[in-house]
Amino acid sequence: MKMTLVVDTDDPKGIDHAWEMIAVLQKKAGRNPTAIRYTKEFGKIEYIKSLRKYVREQVDALKDSNNDSVTDVNDMQSLRNTKTFADRIFSGEK
């Protein structure tokens, strides 16, 4: 299948949607879409709420003996756990 995307440079949301469409096509083609630019815009309050949610999740995981992603306080600041949380935010999961 071949597809031509026409992007209106005066439509920032349209450009973002085109990037999303390309990511979907790359995933379907079995390609790694890591080269795609990810952007997430939010205000200060939403940012603070996200930080609080991350800390809450890390503390809960530390208390849960069945969860091996956080075994001590040092794991709470690991790049792996932080990336997992960020991936969920940028993919639209809550």
PDB file of N, CA and C in Angstrom:
ATOM      1  N   MET A   1       0.845  -1.171   0.000  1.00  0.00           N
ATOM      2  CA  MET A   1       0.000   0.000   0.000  1.00  0.00           C
ATOM      3  C   MET A   1       0.890   1.232   0.000  1.00  0.00           C
ATOM      4  N   LYS A   2       0.520   2.194  -0.780  1.00  0.00           N
ATOM      5  CA  LYS A   2       1.219   3.476  -0.798  1.00  0.00           C
ATOM      6  C   LYS A   2       0.239   4.545  -0.390  1.00  0.00           C
ATOM      7  N   MET A   3       0.760   5.513   0.337  1.00  0.00           N
ATOM      8  CA  MET A   3      -0.108   6.569   0.843  1.00  0.00           C
ATOM      9  C   MET A   3       0.626   7.895   0.737  1.00  0.00           C
ATOM     10  N   THR A   4      -0.106   8.931   0.395  1.00  0.00           N
ATOM     11  CA  THR A   4       0.446  10.274   0.358  1.00  0.00           C
ATOM     12  C   THR A   4      -0.259  11.107   1.414  1.00  0.00           C
ATOM     13  N   LEU A   5       0.532  11.705   2.283  1.00  0.00           N
ATOM     14  CA  LEU A   5      -0.027  12.588   3.301  1.00  0.00           C
ATOM     15  C   LEU A   5       0.189  14.034   2.865  1.00  0.00           C
ATOM     16  N   VAL A   6      -0.863  14.805   2.930  1.00  0.00           N
ATOM     17  CA  VAL A   6      -0.770  16.231   2.649  1.00  0.00           C
ATOM     18  C   VAL A   6      -0.924  16.939   3.986  1.00  0.00           C
ATOM     19  N   VAL A   7       0.079  17.736   4.343  1.00  0.00           N
ATOM     20  CA  VAL A   7       0.091  18.384   5.647  1.00  0.00           C
ATOM     21  C   VAL A   7      -0.025  19.882   5.460  1.00  0.00           C
ATOM     22  N   ASP A   8      -0.975  20.464   6.161  1.00  0.00           N
ATOM     23  CA  ASP A   8      -1.165  21.916   6.154  1.00  0.00           C
ATOM     24  C   ASP A   8      -0.254  22.514   7.217  1.00  0.00           C
ATOM     25  N   THR A   9       0.757  23.270   6.804  1.00  0.00           N
ATOM     26  CA  THR A   9       1.719  23.820   7.760  1.00  0.00           C
ATOM     27  C   THR A   9       1.107  24.880   8.666  1.00  0.00           C
ATOM     28  N   ASP A  10      -0.081  25.339   8.361  1.00  0.00           N
ATOM     29  CA  ASP A  10      -0.767  26.307   9.216  1.00  0.00           C
ATOM     30  C   ASP A  10      -1.654  25.619  10.245  1.00  0.00           C
ATOM     31  N   ASP A  11      -1.601  24.297  10.306  1.00  0.00           N
ATOM     32  CA  ASP A  11      -2.443  23.529  11.222  1.00  0.00           C
ATOM     33  C   ASP A  11      -1.572  22.666  12.131  1.00  0.00           C
ATOM     34  N   PRO A  12      -1.140  23.211  13.285  1.00  0.00           N
ATOM     35  CA  PRO A  12      -0.259  22.438  14.170  1.00  0.00           C
ATOM     36  C   PRO A  12      -0.875  21.127  14.650  1.00  0.00           C
ATOM     37  N   LYS A  13      -2.171  21.114  14.928  1.00  0.00           N
ATOM     38  CA  LYS A  13      -2.813  19.866  15.360  1.00  0.00           C
ATOM     39  C   LYS A  13      -2.819  18.846  14.227  1.00  0.00           C
ATOM     40  N   GLY A  14      -3.020  19.313  13.024  1.00  0.00           N
ATOM     41  CA  GLY A  14      -2.992  18.420  11.864  1.00  0.00           C
ATOM     42  C   GLY A  14      -1.621  17.788  11.676  1.00  0.00           C
ATOM     43  N   ILE A  15      -0.575  18.572  11.932  1.00  0.00           N
ATOM     44  CA  ILE A  15       0.788  18.040  11.840  1.00  0.00           C
ATOM     45  C   ILE A  15       0.993  16.961  12.902  1.00  0.00           C
ATOM     46  N   ASP A  16       0.524  17.225  14.123  1.00  0.00           N
ATOM     47  CA  ASP A  16       0.630  16.223  15.187  1.00  0.00           C
ATOM     48  C   ASP A  16      -0.119  14.949  14.822  1.00  0.00           C
ATOM     49  N   HIS A  17      -1.295  15.105  14.237  1.00  0.00           N
ATOM     50  CA  HIS A  17      -2.074  13.925  13.839  1.00  0.00           C
ATOM     51  C   HIS A  17      -1.361  13.144  12.734  1.00  0.00           C
ATOM     52  N   ALA A  18      -0.683  13.852  11.842  1.00  0.00           N
ATOM     53  CA  ALA A  18       0.071  13.172  10.791  1.00  0.00           C
ATOM     54  C   ALA A  18       1.203  12.343  11.401  1.00  0.00           C
ATOM     55  N   TRP A  19       1.891  12.901  12.415  1.00  0.00           N
ATOM     56  CA  TRP A  19       2.940  12.153  13.108  1.00  0.00           C
ATOM     57  C   TRP A  19       2.359  10.898  13.747  1.00  0.00           C
ATOM     58  N   GLU A  20       1.189  11.027  14.368  1.00  0.00           N
ATOM     59  CA  GLU A  20       0.547   9.877  14.998  1.00  0.00           C
ATOM     60  C   GLU A  20       0.209   8.810  13.960  1.00  0.00           C
ATOM     61  N   MET A  21      -0.279   9.248  12.806  1.00  0.00           N
ATOM     62  CA  MET A  21      -0.633   8.306  11.745  1.00  0.00           C
ATOM     63  C   MET A  21       0.612   7.570  11.254  1.00  0.00           C
ATOM     64  N   ILE A  22       1.710   8.287  11.126  1.00  0.00           N
ATOM     65  CA  ILE A  22       2.954   7.657  10.694  1.00  0.00           C
ATOM     66  C   ILE A  22       3.408   6.626  11.726  1.00  0.00           C
ATOM     67  N   ALA A  23       3.257   6.945  13.006  1.00  0.00           N
ATOM     68  CA  ALA A  23       3.641   5.993  14.065  1.00  0.00           C
ATOM     69  C   ALA A  23       2.823   4.719  13.962  1.00  0.00           C
ATOM     70  N   VAL A  24       1.527   4.856  13.720  1.00  0.00           N
ATOM     71  CA  VAL A  24       0.658   3.678  13.577  1.00  0.00           C
ATOM     72  C   VAL A  24       1.098   2.845  12.378  1.00  0.00           C
ATOM     73  N   LEU A  25       1.385   3.499  11.267  1.00  0.00           N
ATOM     74  CA  LEU A  25       1.819   2.772  10.074  1.00  0.00           C
ATOM     75  C   LEU A  25       3.157   2.070  10.306  1.00  0.00           C
ATOM     76  N   GLN A  26       4.066   2.742  11.032  1.00  0.00           N
ATOM     77  CA  GLN A  26       5.352   2.106  11.325  1.00  0.00           C
ATOM     78  C   GLN A  26       5.176   0.877  12.202  1.00  0.00           C
ATOM     79  N   LYS A  27       4.306   0.968  13.186  1.00  0.00           N
ATOM     80  CA  LYS A  27       4.068  -0.186  14.060  1.00  0.00           C
ATOM     81  C   LYS A  27       3.479  -1.346  13.271  1.00  0.00           C
ATOM     82  N   LYS A  28       2.530  -1.038  12.377  1.00  0.00           N
ATOM     83  CA  LYS A  28       1.924  -2.103  11.567  1.00  0.00           C
ATOM     84  C   LYS A  28       2.938  -2.737  10.627  1.00  0.00           C
ATOM     85  N   ALA A  29       3.928  -1.942  10.199  1.00  0.00           N
ATOM     86  CA  ALA A  29       4.951  -2.459   9.292  1.00  0.00           C
ATOM     87  C   ALA A  29       6.079  -3.151  10.050  1.00  0.00           C
ATOM     88  N   GLY A  30       5.993  -3.179  11.383  1.00  0.00           N
ATOM     89  CA  GLY A  30       7.010  -3.830  12.183  1.00  0.00           C
ATOM     90  C   GLY A  30       8.262  -2.998  12.374  1.00  0.00           C
ATOM     91  N   ARG A  31       8.148  -1.710  12.177  1.00  0.00           N
ATOM     92  CA  ARG A  31       9.298  -0.831  12.359  1.00  0.00           C
ATOM     93  C   ARG A  31       9.255  -0.184  13.730  1.00  0.00           C
ATOM     94  N   ASN A  32      10.400   0.238  14.175  1.00  0.00           N
ATOM     95  CA  ASN A  32      10.511   0.893  15.471  1.00  0.00           C
ATOM     96  C   ASN A  32      10.241   2.394  15.299  1.00  0.00           C
ATOM     97  N   PRO A  33       9.171   2.889  15.890  1.00  0.00           N
ATOM     98  CA  PRO A  33       8.818   4.302  15.697  1.00  0.00           C
ATOM     99  C   PRO A  33       9.550   5.251  16.650  1.00  0.00           C
ATOM    100  N   THR A  34      10.721   4.864  17.172  1.00  0.00           N
ATOM    101  CA  THR A  34      11.402   5.707  18.152  1.00  0.00           C
ATOM    102  C   THR A  34      11.913   7.007  17.557  1.00  0.00           C
ATOM    103  N   ALA A  35      12.045   7.055  16.256  1.00  0.00           N
ATOM    104  CA  ALA A  35      12.542   8.284  15.636  1.00  0.00           C
ATOM    105  C   ALA A  35      11.483   9.380  15.617  1.00  0.00           C
ATOM    106  N   ILE A  36      10.260   9.016  15.939  1.00  0.00           N
ATOM    107  CA  ILE A  36       9.178   9.993  15.917  1.00  0.00           C
ATOM    108  C   ILE A  36       9.285  10.911  17.115  1.00  0.00           C
ATOM    109  N   ARG A  37       9.028  12.154  16.889  1.00  0.00           N
ATOM    110  CA  ARG A  37       9.100  13.173  17.930  1.00  0.00           C
ATOM    111  C   ARG A  37       7.845  13.075  18.783  1.00  0.00           C
ATOM    112  N   TYR A  38       8.040  12.895  20.083  1.00  0.00           N
ATOM    113  CA  TYR A  38       6.916  12.830  21.014  1.00  0.00           C
ATOM    114  C   TYR A  38       6.786  14.170  21.714  1.00  0.00           C
ATOM    115  N   THR A  39       5.598  14.701  21.728  1.00  0.00           N
ATOM    116  CA  THR A  39       5.365  15.933  22.463  1.00  0.00           C
ATOM    117  C   THR A  39       4.115  15.759  23.302  1.00  0.00           C
ATOM    118  N   LYS A  40       4.169  16.315  24.462  1.00  0.00           N
ATOM    119  CA  LYS A  40       3.012  16.292  25.354  1.00  0.00           C
ATOM    120  C   LYS A  40       3.016  17.639  26.044  1.00  0.00           C
ATOM    121  N   GLU A  41       1.982  18.394  25.833  1.00  0.00           N
ATOM    122  CA  GLU A  41       1.899  19.696  26.454  1.00  0.00           C
ATOM    123  C   GLU A  41       0.895  19.650  27.590  1.00  0.00           C
ATOM    124  N   PHE A  42       1.298  20.182  28.737  1.00  0.00           N
ATOM    125  CA  PHE A  42       0.389  20.280  29.854  1.00  0.00           C
ATOM    126  C   PHE A  42       0.864  21.400  30.766  1.00  0.00           C
ATOM    127  N   GLY A  43      -0.027  21.864  31.587  1.00  0.00           N
ATOM    128  CA  GLY A  43       0.267  22.976  32.470  1.00  0.00           C
ATOM    129  C   GLY A  43       0.948  22.547  33.750  1.00  0.00           C
ATOM    130  N   LYS A  44       1.274  23.529  34.549  1.00  0.00           N
ATOM    131  CA  LYS A  44       2.011  23.297  35.781  1.00  0.00           C
ATOM    132  C   LYS A  44       1.246  22.396  36.748  1.00  0.00           C
ATOM    133  N   ILE A  45      -0.043  22.628  36.904  1.00  0.00           N
ATOM    134  CA  ILE A  45      -0.846  21.824  37.829  1.00  0.00           C
ATOM    135  C   ILE A  45      -0.895  20.373  37.372  1.00  0.00           C
ATOM    136  N   GLU A  46      -1.120  20.150  36.083  1.00  0.00           N
ATOM    137  CA  GLU A  46      -1.154  18.775  35.567  1.00  0.00           C
ATOM    138  C   GLU A  46       0.204  18.098  35.740  1.00  0.00           C
ATOM    139  N   TYR A  47       1.278  18.858  35.555  1.00  0.00           N
ATOM    140  CA  TYR A  47       2.622  18.324  35.744  1.00  0.00           C
ATOM    141  C   TYR A  47       2.835  17.901  37.196  1.00  0.00           C
ATOM    142  N   ILE A  48       2.429  18.752  38.126  1.00  0.00           N
ATOM    143  CA  ILE A  48       2.557  18.440  39.550  1.00  0.00           C
ATOM    144  C   ILE A  48       1.744  17.190  39.893  1.00  0.00           C
ATOM    145  N   LYS A  49       0.533  17.095  39.348  1.00  0.00           N
ATOM    146  CA  LYS A  49      -0.300  15.914  39.601  1.00  0.00           C
ATOM    147  C   LYS A  49       0.363  14.647  39.057  1.00  0.00           C
ATOM    148  N   SER A  50       1.005  14.757  37.898  1.00  0.00           N
ATOM    149  CA  SER A  50       1.701  13.594  37.326  1.00  0.00           C
ATOM    150  C   SER A  50       2.865  13.173  38.200  1.00  0.00           C
ATOM    151  N   LEU A  51       3.609  14.147  38.717  1.00  0.00           N
ATOM    152  CA  LEU A  51       4.723  13.821  39.611  1.00  0.00           C
ATOM    153  C   LEU A  51       4.225  13.124  40.872  1.00  0.00           C
ATOM    154  N   ARG A  52       3.143  13.647  41.440  1.00  0.00           N
ATOM    155  CA  ARG A  52       2.575  13.030  42.636  1.00  0.00           C
ATOM    156  C   ARG A  52       2.117  11.607  42.351  1.00  0.00           C
ATOM    157  N   LYS A  53       1.511  11.405  41.181  1.00  0.00           N
ATOM    158  CA  LYS A  53       1.039  10.070  40.811  1.00  0.00           C
ATOM    159  C   LYS A  53       2.216   9.105  40.678  1.00  0.00           C
ATOM    160  N   TYR A  54       3.308   9.569  40.080  1.00  0.00           N
ATOM    161  CA  TYR A  54       4.488   8.726  39.927  1.00  0.00           C
ATOM    162  C   TYR A  54       5.026   8.305  41.295  1.00  0.00           C
ATOM    163  N   VAL A  55       5.172   9.270  42.198  1.00  0.00           N
ATOM    164  CA  VAL A  55       5.696   8.961  43.529  1.00  0.00           C
ATOM    165  C   VAL A  55       4.767   7.994  44.259  1.00  0.00           C
ATOM    166  N   ARG A  56       3.459   8.234  44.157  1.00  0.00           N
ATOM    167  CA  ARG A  56       2.482   7.356  44.802  1.00  0.00           C
ATOM    168  C   ARG A  56       2.607   5.927  44.272  1.00  0.00           C
ATOM    169  N   GLU A  57       2.721   5.786  42.953  1.00  0.00           N
ATOM    170  CA  GLU A  57       2.850   4.455  42.355  1.00  0.00           C
ATOM    171  C   GLU A  57       4.127   3.761  42.807  1.00  0.00           C
ATOM    172  N   GLN A  58       5.215   4.519  42.898  1.00  0.00           N
ATOM    173  CA  GLN A  58       6.484   3.932  43.325  1.00  0.00           C
ATOM    174  C   GLN A  58       6.424   3.471  44.783  1.00  0.00           C
ATOM    175  N   VAL A  59       5.816   4.277  45.639  1.00  0.00           N
ATOM    176  CA  VAL A  59       5.680   3.906  47.057  1.00  0.00           C
ATOM    177  C   VAL A  59       4.785   2.679  47.194  1.00  0.00           C
ATOM    178  N   ASP A  60       3.686   2.653  46.443  1.00  0.00           N
ATOM    179  CA  ASP A  60       2.796   1.487  46.491  1.00  0.00           C
ATOM    180  C   ASP A  60       3.520   0.219  46.031  1.00  0.00           C
ATOM    181  N   ALA A  61       4.340   0.351  44.972  1.00  0.00           N
ATOM    182  CA  ALA A  61       5.090  -0.799  44.471  1.00  0.00           C
ATOM    183  C   ALA A  61       6.129  -1.257  45.490  1.00  0.00           C
ATOM    184  N   LEU A  62       6.717  -0.305  46.210  1.00  0.00           N
ATOM    185  CA  LEU A  62       7.694  -0.653  47.239  1.00  0.00           C
ATOM    186  C   LEU A  62       7.041  -1.421  48.382  1.00  0.00           C
ATOM    187  N   LYS A  63       5.815  -1.043  48.734  1.00  0.00           N
ATOM    188  CA  LYS A  63       5.091  -1.706  49.822  1.00  0.00           C
ATOM    189  C   LYS A  63       4.558  -3.083  49.418  1.00  0.00           C
ATOM    190  N   ASP A  64       4.339  -3.285  48.114  1.00  0.00           N
ATOM    191  CA  ASP A  64       3.759  -4.533  47.607  1.00  0.00           C
ATOM    192  C   ASP A  64       4.849  -5.593  47.461  1.00  0.00           C
ATOM    193  N   SER A  65       4.762  -6.629  48.263  1.00  0.00           N
ATOM    194  CA  SER A  65       5.787  -7.679  48.224  1.00  0.00           C
ATOM    195  C   SER A  65       5.737  -8.497  46.929  1.00  0.00           C
ATOM    196  N   ASN A  66       4.621  -8.457  46.210  1.00  0.00           N
ATOM    197  CA  ASN A  66       4.502  -9.197  44.956  1.00  0.00           C
ATOM    198  C   ASN A  66       5.029  -8.418  43.758  1.00  0.00           C
ATOM    199  N   ASN A  67       5.334  -7.135  43.947  1.00  0.00           N
ATOM    200  CA  ASN A  67       5.811  -6.288  42.863  1.00  0.00           C
ATOM    201  C   ASN A  67       7.329  -6.210  42.948  1.00  0.00           C
ATOM    202  N   ASP A  68       8.011  -6.710  41.913  1.00  0.00           N
ATOM    203  CA  ASP A  68       9.477  -6.706  41.958  1.00  0.00           C
ATOM    204  C   ASP A  68      10.096  -5.538  41.191  1.00  0.00           C
ATOM    205  N   SER A  69       9.298  -4.582  40.711  1.00  0.00           N
ATOM    206  CA  SER A  69       9.855  -3.437  39.993  1.00  0.00           C
ATOM    207  C   SER A  69      10.511  -2.439  40.935  1.00  0.00           C
ATOM    208  N   VAL A  70      10.065  -2.407  42.193  1.00  0.00           N
ATOM    209  CA  VAL A  70      10.658  -1.520  43.195  1.00  0.00           C
ATOM    210  C   VAL A  70      10.944  -2.354  44.441  1.00  0.00           C
ATOM    211  N   THR A  71      12.221  -2.655  44.642  1.00  0.00           N
ATOM    212  CA  THR A  71      12.591  -3.468  45.805  1.00  0.00           C
ATOM    213  C   THR A  71      13.198  -2.633  46.924  1.00  0.00           C
ATOM    214  N   ASP A  72      13.713  -1.450  46.580  1.00  0.00           N
ATOM    215  CA  ASP A  72      14.224  -0.532  47.593  1.00  0.00           C
ATOM    216  C   ASP A  72      14.073   0.904  47.083  1.00  0.00           C
ATOM    217  N   VAL A  73      14.469   1.854  47.905  1.00  0.00           N
ATOM    218  CA  VAL A  73      14.281   3.267  47.561  1.00  0.00           C
ATOM    219  C   VAL A  73      15.046   3.640  46.292  1.00  0.00           C
ATOM    220  N   ASN A  74      16.191   3.038  46.056  1.00  0.00           N
ATOM    221  CA  ASN A  74      16.975   3.354  44.861  1.00  0.00           C
ATOM    222  C   ASN A  74      16.231   2.986  43.577  1.00  0.00           C
ATOM    223  N   ASP A  75      15.429   1.932  43.616  1.00  0.00           N
ATOM    224  CA  ASP A  75      14.644   1.543  42.438  1.00  0.00           C
ATOM    225  C   ASP A  75      13.607   2.595  42.083  1.00  0.00           C
ATOM    226  N   MET A  76      13.185   3.379  43.066  1.00  0.00           N
ATOM    227  CA  MET A  76      12.152   4.392  42.816  1.00  0.00           C
ATOM    228  C   MET A  76      12.641   5.463  41.855  1.00  0.00           C
ATOM    229  N   GLN A  77      13.939   5.672  41.793  1.00  0.00           N
ATOM    230  CA  GLN A  77      14.482   6.698  40.911  1.00  0.00           C
ATOM    231  C   GLN A  77      15.157   6.108  39.672  1.00  0.00           C
ATOM    232  N   SER A  78      14.889   4.834  39.414  1.00  0.00           N
ATOM    233  CA  SER A  78      15.536   4.186  38.273  1.00  0.00           C
ATOM    234  C   SER A  78      14.988   4.723  36.951  1.00  0.00           C
ATOM    235  N   LEU A  79      15.853   4.723  35.965  1.00  0.00           N
ATOM    236  CA  LEU A  79      15.460   5.176  34.629  1.00  0.00           C
ATOM    237  C   LEU A  79      14.358   4.279  34.064  1.00  0.00           C
ATOM    238  N   ARG A  80      14.442   2.980  34.331  1.00  0.00           N
ATOM    239  CA  ARG A  80      13.451   2.033  33.807  1.00  0.00           C
ATOM    240  C   ARG A  80      12.049   2.361  34.309  1.00  0.00           C
ATOM    241  N   ASN A  81      11.915   2.563  35.622  1.00  0.00           N
ATOM    242  CA  ASN A  81      10.600   2.865  36.182  1.00  0.00           C
ATOM    243  C   ASN A  81      10.083   4.225  35.712  1.00  0.00           C
ATOM    244  N   THR A  82      10.977   5.198  35.631  1.00  0.00           N
ATOM    245  CA  THR A  82      10.587   6.525  35.172  1.00  0.00           C
ATOM    246  C   THR A  82      10.138   6.476  33.716  1.00  0.00           C
ATOM    247  N   LYS A  83      10.870   5.738  32.876  1.00  0.00           N
ATOM    248  CA  LYS A  83      10.512   5.617  31.463  1.00  0.00           C
ATOM    249  C   LYS A  83       9.164   4.919  31.294  1.00  0.00           C
ATOM    250  N   THR A  84       8.935   3.875  32.059  1.00  0.00           N
ATOM    251  CA  THR A  84       7.656   3.168  31.983  1.00  0.00           C
ATOM    252  C   THR A  84       6.504   4.107  32.288  1.00  0.00           C
ATOM    253  N   PHE A  85       6.668   4.920  33.321  1.00  0.00           N
ATOM    254  CA  PHE A  85       5.631   5.890  33.683  1.00  0.00           C
ATOM    255  C   PHE A  85       5.450   6.921  32.565  1.00  0.00           C
ATOM    256  N   ALA A  86       6.551   7.459  32.049  1.00  0.00           N
ATOM    257  CA  ALA A  86       6.478   8.465  30.974  1.00  0.00           C
ATOM    258  C   ALA A  86       5.837   7.877  29.720  1.00  0.00           C
ATOM    259  N   ASP A  87       6.161   6.628  29.397  1.00  0.00           N
ATOM    260  CA  ASP A  87       5.559   5.976  28.227  1.00  0.00           C
ATOM    261  C   ASP A  87       4.038   5.911  28.363  1.00  0.00           C
ATOM    262  N   ARG A  88       3.565   5.632  29.575  1.00  0.00           N
ATOM    263  CA  ARG A  88       2.117   5.574  29.793  1.00  0.00           C
ATOM    264  C   ARG A  88       1.479   6.951  29.601  1.00  0.00           C
ATOM    265  N   ILE A  89       2.124   7.983  30.075  1.00  0.00           N
ATOM    266  CA  ILE A  89       1.572   9.333  29.923  1.00  0.00           C
ATOM    267  C   ILE A  89       1.525   9.715  28.440  1.00  0.00           C
ATOM    268  N   PHE A  90       2.616   9.483  27.714  1.00  0.00           N
ATOM    269  CA  PHE A  90       2.681   9.896  26.333  1.00  0.00           C
ATOM    270  C   PHE A  90       1.843   9.024  25.401  1.00  0.00           C
ATOM    271  N   SER A  91       1.494   7.832  25.840  1.00  0.00           N
ATOM    272  CA  SER A  91       0.624   6.998  25.008  1.00  0.00           C
ATOM    273  C   SER A  91      -0.851   7.254  25.308  1.00  0.00           C
ATOM    274  N   GLY A  92      -1.117   8.106  26.290  1.00  0.00           N
ATOM    275  CA  GLY A  92      -2.503   8.465  26.596  1.00  0.00           C
ATOM    276  C   GLY A  92      -3.120   7.652  27.708  1.00  0.00           C
ATOM    277  N   GLU A  93      -2.375   6.688  28.260  1.00  0.00           N
ATOM    278  CA  GLU A  93      -2.906   5.904  29.378  1.00  0.00           C
ATOM    279  C   GLU A  93      -2.877   6.760  30.634  1.00  0.00           C
ATOM    280  N   LYS A  94      -3.768   6.468  31.522  1.00  0.00           N
ATOM    281  CA  LYS A  94      -3.813   7.232  32.790  1.00  0.00           C
ATOM    282  C   LYS A  94      -3.470   6.362  33.947  1.00  0.00           C
TER     283      LYS A  94
END
